[in-house]
Amino acid sequence: MTVEMREGYEGTGPGAITPDGCAVELYERLSVGDEPDIIAAAVPAGAHILELGSGVGRVTRPLLERGFTVTAVDESAEMLARVRGARTISGPIEHLDLGEKFDVVMLASFLVHTGDEEVRRGMLRTCAKHVAEGGCVLLQREGEDYHANVPRERVDPNGCTIRIVSAEPVAEGVDSILAEYVFPDVVWTQRFLSRALTKEQFESALAEAGLKVDAYLTPDGMWVRAVPAAM
């Protein structure tokens, strides 16, 4: 099956590659970090979570194990085919309109930093549109040095060396990021567009969508809980 790549995005390595350059088999191998603990501590027990950009369900699975109900959304049907135990919906996040409200809407994986401002606006509108009264939106931001501290690498607990190889300016405020994922037996790469956002720019983008910061959930400010601005 031919996949139409998003402009400025590409990926290499075995198996299916999604429109934003992610390798499906790679994400089946990568471990989950402390995301489920951060999420569980920030939202009511048993909440119904709309997970935007769920991928293969790395975070979905531990959330289900903690007693949450999850509706998983991803534009890649190949990714969603790996999700178990959750309702799945395939389609671009920025165009999603389910006609439903959720206790929690989650936009992780730095998706708020997408290089295309119109796509970002659409994603944040989707968040605001689907959050229930009294609910919240959880977002994951890039670290302050994400674009500056390059090259850098870390080793995933499963033995994968994850490298951010380069961050090259391609438009005002937008960098083309090259990432490598090196296992002993295989290598994947991904190139994607990322727009750095200061805290003020991030909060302004939320306000444009009718949202406001309720709390920065981690000391590094990378996980944020937002609520509708009218609350």
Protein backbone atom coordinates (compact mmCIF):
# COMPACT_ATOMS: atom_id res chain seq x y z
CA MET A 1 0.00 0.00 0.00
CA THR A 2 1.32 3.45 -0.95
CA VAL A 3 1.25 6.02 1.85
CA GLU A 4 1.15 9.71 1.01
CA MET A 5 3.78 11.36 3.19
CA ARG A 6 3.20 14.72 4.82
CA GLU A 7 5.43 17.35 3.23
CA GLY A 8 8.78 17.56 5.02
CA TYR A 9 8.37 14.16 6.70
CA GLU A 10 10.03 10.88 5.81
CA GLY A 11 11.20 7.65 7.40
CA THR A 12 13.48 4.74 6.58
CA GLY A 13 13.78 1.18 7.83
CA PRO A 14 11.81 -2.05 7.61
CA GLY A 15 8.04 -2.28 7.77
CA ALA A 16 5.27 0.26 7.29
CA ILE A 17 6.09 3.97 7.52
CA THR A 18 3.30 6.39 8.51
CA PRO A 19 2.53 9.74 6.81
CA ASP A 20 4.65 11.57 9.41
CA GLY A 21 7.65 9.26 8.97
CA CYS A 22 7.13 6.96 11.98
CA ALA A 23 8.00 3.29 11.59
CA VAL A 24 5.26 1.03 12.94
CA GLU A 25 7.62 -1.81 13.89
CA LEU A 26 9.91 0.63 15.70
CA TYR A 27 7.11 1.81 17.97
CA GLU A 28 6.19 -1.77 18.76
CA ARG A 29 9.72 -2.18 20.13
CA LEU A 30 10.13 1.08 22.06
CA SER A 31 9.37 1.00 25.78
CA VAL A 32 6.93 3.28 27.57
CA GLY A 33 8.39 5.73 30.07
CA ASP A 34 6.72 7.48 32.99
CA GLU A 35 3.91 8.90 30.85
CA PRO A 36 1.18 6.62 32.29
CA ASP A 37 2.11 7.60 35.85
CA ILE A 38 2.05 11.32 34.99
CA ILE A 39 -1.32 10.96 33.29
CA ALA A 40 -2.86 8.86 36.05
CA ALA A 41 -1.81 11.39 38.69
CA ALA A 42 -3.33 14.29 36.75
CA VAL A 43 -6.83 13.01 35.94
CA PRO A 44 -9.74 11.35 37.79
CA ALA A 45 -9.64 7.59 38.28
CA GLY A 46 -11.58 5.69 35.60
CA ALA A 47 -11.77 8.68 33.25
CA HIS A 48 -12.59 8.22 29.57
CA ILE A 49 -9.53 9.42 27.67
CA LEU A 50 -9.45 10.50 24.03
CA GLU A 51 -5.84 9.72 23.06
CA LEU A 52 -4.87 11.70 19.98
CA GLY A 53 -1.89 10.20 18.19
CA SER A 54 -1.97 6.87 20.00
CA GLY A 55 0.35 5.02 17.64
CA VAL A 56 0.57 1.31 18.41
CA GLY A 57 -0.78 1.82 21.93
CA ARG A 58 2.41 2.02 24.00
CA VAL A 59 0.67 4.41 26.41
CA THR A 60 -2.82 3.06 25.73
CA ARG A 61 -2.04 -0.34 27.22
CA PRO A 62 -0.84 0.85 30.65
CA LEU A 63 -3.73 3.31 30.84
CA LEU A 64 -6.20 0.49 30.24
CA GLU A 65 -4.43 -1.55 32.91
CA ARG A 66 -4.94 1.34 35.34
CA GLY A 67 -8.69 1.24 34.76
CA PHE A 68 -9.13 4.05 32.24
CA THR A 69 -11.34 3.80 29.18
CA VAL A 70 -9.47 4.90 26.07
CA THR A 71 -10.54 5.93 22.58
CA ALA A 72 -7.37 5.80 20.48
CA VAL A 73 -7.01 8.02 17.40
CA ASP A 74 -4.23 7.90 14.83
CA GLU A 75 -4.00 8.74 11.15
CA SER A 76 -2.20 5.42 10.54
CA ALA A 77 -4.40 2.34 10.24
CA GLU A 78 -1.22 0.24 10.48
CA MET A 79 -0.47 1.74 13.89
CA LEU A 80 -4.04 1.26 15.15
CA ALA A 81 -4.06 -2.40 14.06
CA ARG A 82 -1.64 -3.03 16.96
CA VAL A 83 -3.88 -1.43 19.60
CA ARG A 84 -5.75 -3.88 21.85
CA GLY A 85 -8.59 -3.25 24.30
CA ALA A 86 -9.46 0.27 23.16
CA ARG A 87 -11.87 1.72 20.65
CA THR A 88 -9.84 2.91 17.65
CA ILE A 89 -10.52 5.64 15.09
CA SER A 90 -8.30 6.31 12.07
CA GLY A 91 -7.97 9.79 10.62
CA PRO A 92 -6.04 13.08 10.84
CA ILE A 93 -6.31 14.62 14.30
CA GLU A 94 -6.76 18.14 12.94
CA HIS A 95 -10.00 17.15 11.15
CA LEU A 96 -11.51 14.94 13.86
CA ASP A 97 -15.13 15.60 14.85
CA LEU A 98 -16.68 12.71 16.78
CA GLY A 99 -19.67 14.61 18.14
CA GLU A 100 -18.70 13.36 21.61
CA LYS A 101 -17.12 14.77 24.76
CA PHE A 102 -14.46 13.11 26.90
CA ASP A 103 -13.25 13.52 30.48
CA VAL A 104 -9.69 13.84 29.21
CA VAL A 105 -8.26 14.69 25.79
CA MET A 106 -4.57 13.89 25.38
CA LEU A 107 -2.17 15.27 22.77
CA ALA A 108 1.25 13.79 23.53
CA SER A 109 4.38 13.03 21.44
CA PHE A 110 5.17 16.76 20.98
CA LEU A 111 2.38 16.98 18.37
CA VAL A 112 1.63 20.54 19.49
CA HIS A 113 5.01 21.44 17.95
CA THR A 114 4.08 20.34 14.43
CA GLY A 115 5.78 22.56 11.86
CA ASP A 116 2.52 23.53 10.12
CA GLU A 117 0.74 26.17 12.18
CA GLU A 118 -2.62 25.41 10.57
CA VAL A 119 -2.30 21.73 11.51
CA ARG A 120 -1.43 22.76 15.08
CA ARG A 121 -4.46 25.04 15.21
CA GLY A 122 -6.63 22.19 13.96
CA MET A 123 -5.24 19.80 16.56
CA LEU A 124 -5.88 22.24 19.39
CA ARG A 125 -9.39 22.93 18.10
CA THR A 126 -9.97 19.17 18.16
CA CYS A 127 -8.83 19.09 21.79
CA ALA A 128 -11.14 21.96 22.78
CA LYS A 129 -14.07 20.53 20.82
CA HIS A 130 -13.94 17.12 22.49
CA VAL A 131 -13.25 17.94 26.15
CA ALA A 132 -16.25 17.65 28.45
CA GLU A 133 -17.38 20.33 30.88
CA GLY A 134 -15.19 19.91 33.94
CA GLY A 135 -12.68 17.89 31.93
CA CYS A 136 -9.12 18.64 30.92
CA VAL A 137 -6.62 18.45 28.08
CA LEU A 138 -3.17 16.94 28.63
CA LEU A 139 -0.37 18.06 26.33
CA GLN A 140 3.30 17.12 26.03
CA ARG A 141 5.73 19.90 25.11
CA GLU A 142 9.31 19.74 23.92
CA GLY A 143 12.07 20.47 26.40
CA GLU A 144 13.59 23.95 26.33
CA ASP A 145 16.81 22.73 24.68
CA TYR A 146 15.20 20.31 22.23
CA HIS A 147 16.36 22.23 19.14
CA ALA A 148 19.62 23.58 20.59
CA ASN A 149 21.13 20.55 22.31
CA VAL A 150 21.98 18.69 19.09
CA PRO A 151 23.38 16.16 18.43
CA ARG A 152 22.45 14.13 21.49
CA GLU A 153 21.50 10.56 22.32
CA ARG A 154 20.04 8.34 25.01
CA VAL A 155 19.59 4.62 25.40
CA ASP A 156 16.05 3.29 25.71
CA PRO A 157 15.56 0.58 28.38
CA ASN A 158 15.07 -1.99 25.61
CA GLY A 159 18.55 -1.32 24.22
CA CYS A 160 17.73 1.13 21.43
CA THR A 161 20.06 4.12 21.04
CA ILE A 162 17.88 7.12 20.19
CA ARG A 163 19.78 9.97 18.54
CA ILE A 164 18.64 13.44 17.59
CA VAL A 165 21.17 13.92 14.83
CA SER A 166 20.37 17.40 13.56
CA ALA A 167 17.94 20.31 13.68
CA GLU A 168 18.15 22.34 10.48
CA PRO A 169 16.13 25.54 9.94
CA VAL A 170 13.80 25.24 6.95
CA ALA A 171 11.38 28.12 7.57
CA GLU A 172 10.90 30.88 10.11
CA GLY A 173 10.64 29.16 13.48
CA VAL A 174 10.62 25.66 11.95
CA ASP A 175 13.41 23.08 12.02
CA SER A 176 13.77 19.81 10.16
CA ILE A 177 14.68 17.24 12.82
CA LEU A 178 16.53 14.04 11.95
CA ALA A 179 16.22 11.20 14.47
CA GLU A 180 17.90 7.78 14.42
CA TYR A 181 16.77 4.67 16.31
CA VAL A 182 19.58 2.13 16.43
CA PHE A 183 18.99 -1.44 17.61
CA PRO A 184 21.66 -4.17 17.44
CA ASP A 185 19.81 -5.72 14.49
CA VAL A 186 18.11 -2.82 12.70
CA VAL A 187 18.13 0.96 12.24
CA TRP A 188 15.19 3.28 11.62
CA THR A 189 15.30 7.00 10.86
CA GLN A 190 12.67 9.71 10.88
CA ARG A 191 12.77 13.26 9.55
CA PHE A 192 10.02 15.60 10.71
CA LEU A 193 9.23 19.30 11.03
CA SER A 194 9.09 20.89 14.46
CA ARG A 195 8.27 24.42 15.54
CA ALA A 196 9.91 25.55 18.77
CA LEU A 197 7.45 27.27 21.12
CA THR A 198 8.37 29.39 24.11
CA LYS A 199 6.13 29.11 27.15
CA GLU A 200 4.43 32.34 26.07
CA GLN A 201 3.92 31.12 22.49
CA PHE A 202 2.57 27.81 23.74
CA GLU A 203 0.08 29.49 26.07
CA SER A 204 -0.94 31.89 23.28
CA ALA A 205 -1.63 28.93 20.98
CA LEU A 206 -3.82 27.38 23.66
CA ALA A 207 -5.70 30.65 24.16
CA GLU A 208 -6.39 30.86 20.43
CA ALA A 209 -8.16 27.49 20.74
CA GLY A 210 -10.12 28.54 23.83
CA LEU A 211 -7.89 26.73 26.31
CA LYS A 212 -5.74 27.86 29.24
CA VAL A 213 -3.04 26.25 31.36
CA ASP A 214 -4.34 24.76 34.60
CA ALA A 215 -1.00 23.30 35.76
CA TYR A 216 2.47 22.38 34.60
CA LEU A 217 2.63 18.78 35.76
CA THR A 218 6.37 18.08 35.66
CA PRO A 219 9.35 20.14 36.86
CA ASP A 220 10.63 20.48 33.30
CA GLY A 221 7.27 21.87 32.14
CA MET A 222 6.94 19.23 29.44
CA TRP A 223 3.58 17.87 30.61
CA VAL A 224 0.73 20.35 30.90
CA ARG A 225 -2.89 20.16 32.00
CA ALA A 226 -5.17 22.69 30.29
CA VAL A 227 -8.85 23.45 30.67
CA PRO A 228 -11.41 25.42 28.64
CA ALA A 229 -10.71 29.12 29.13
CA ALA A 230 -14.28 29.81 30.21
CA MET A 231 -13.82 27.62 33.29
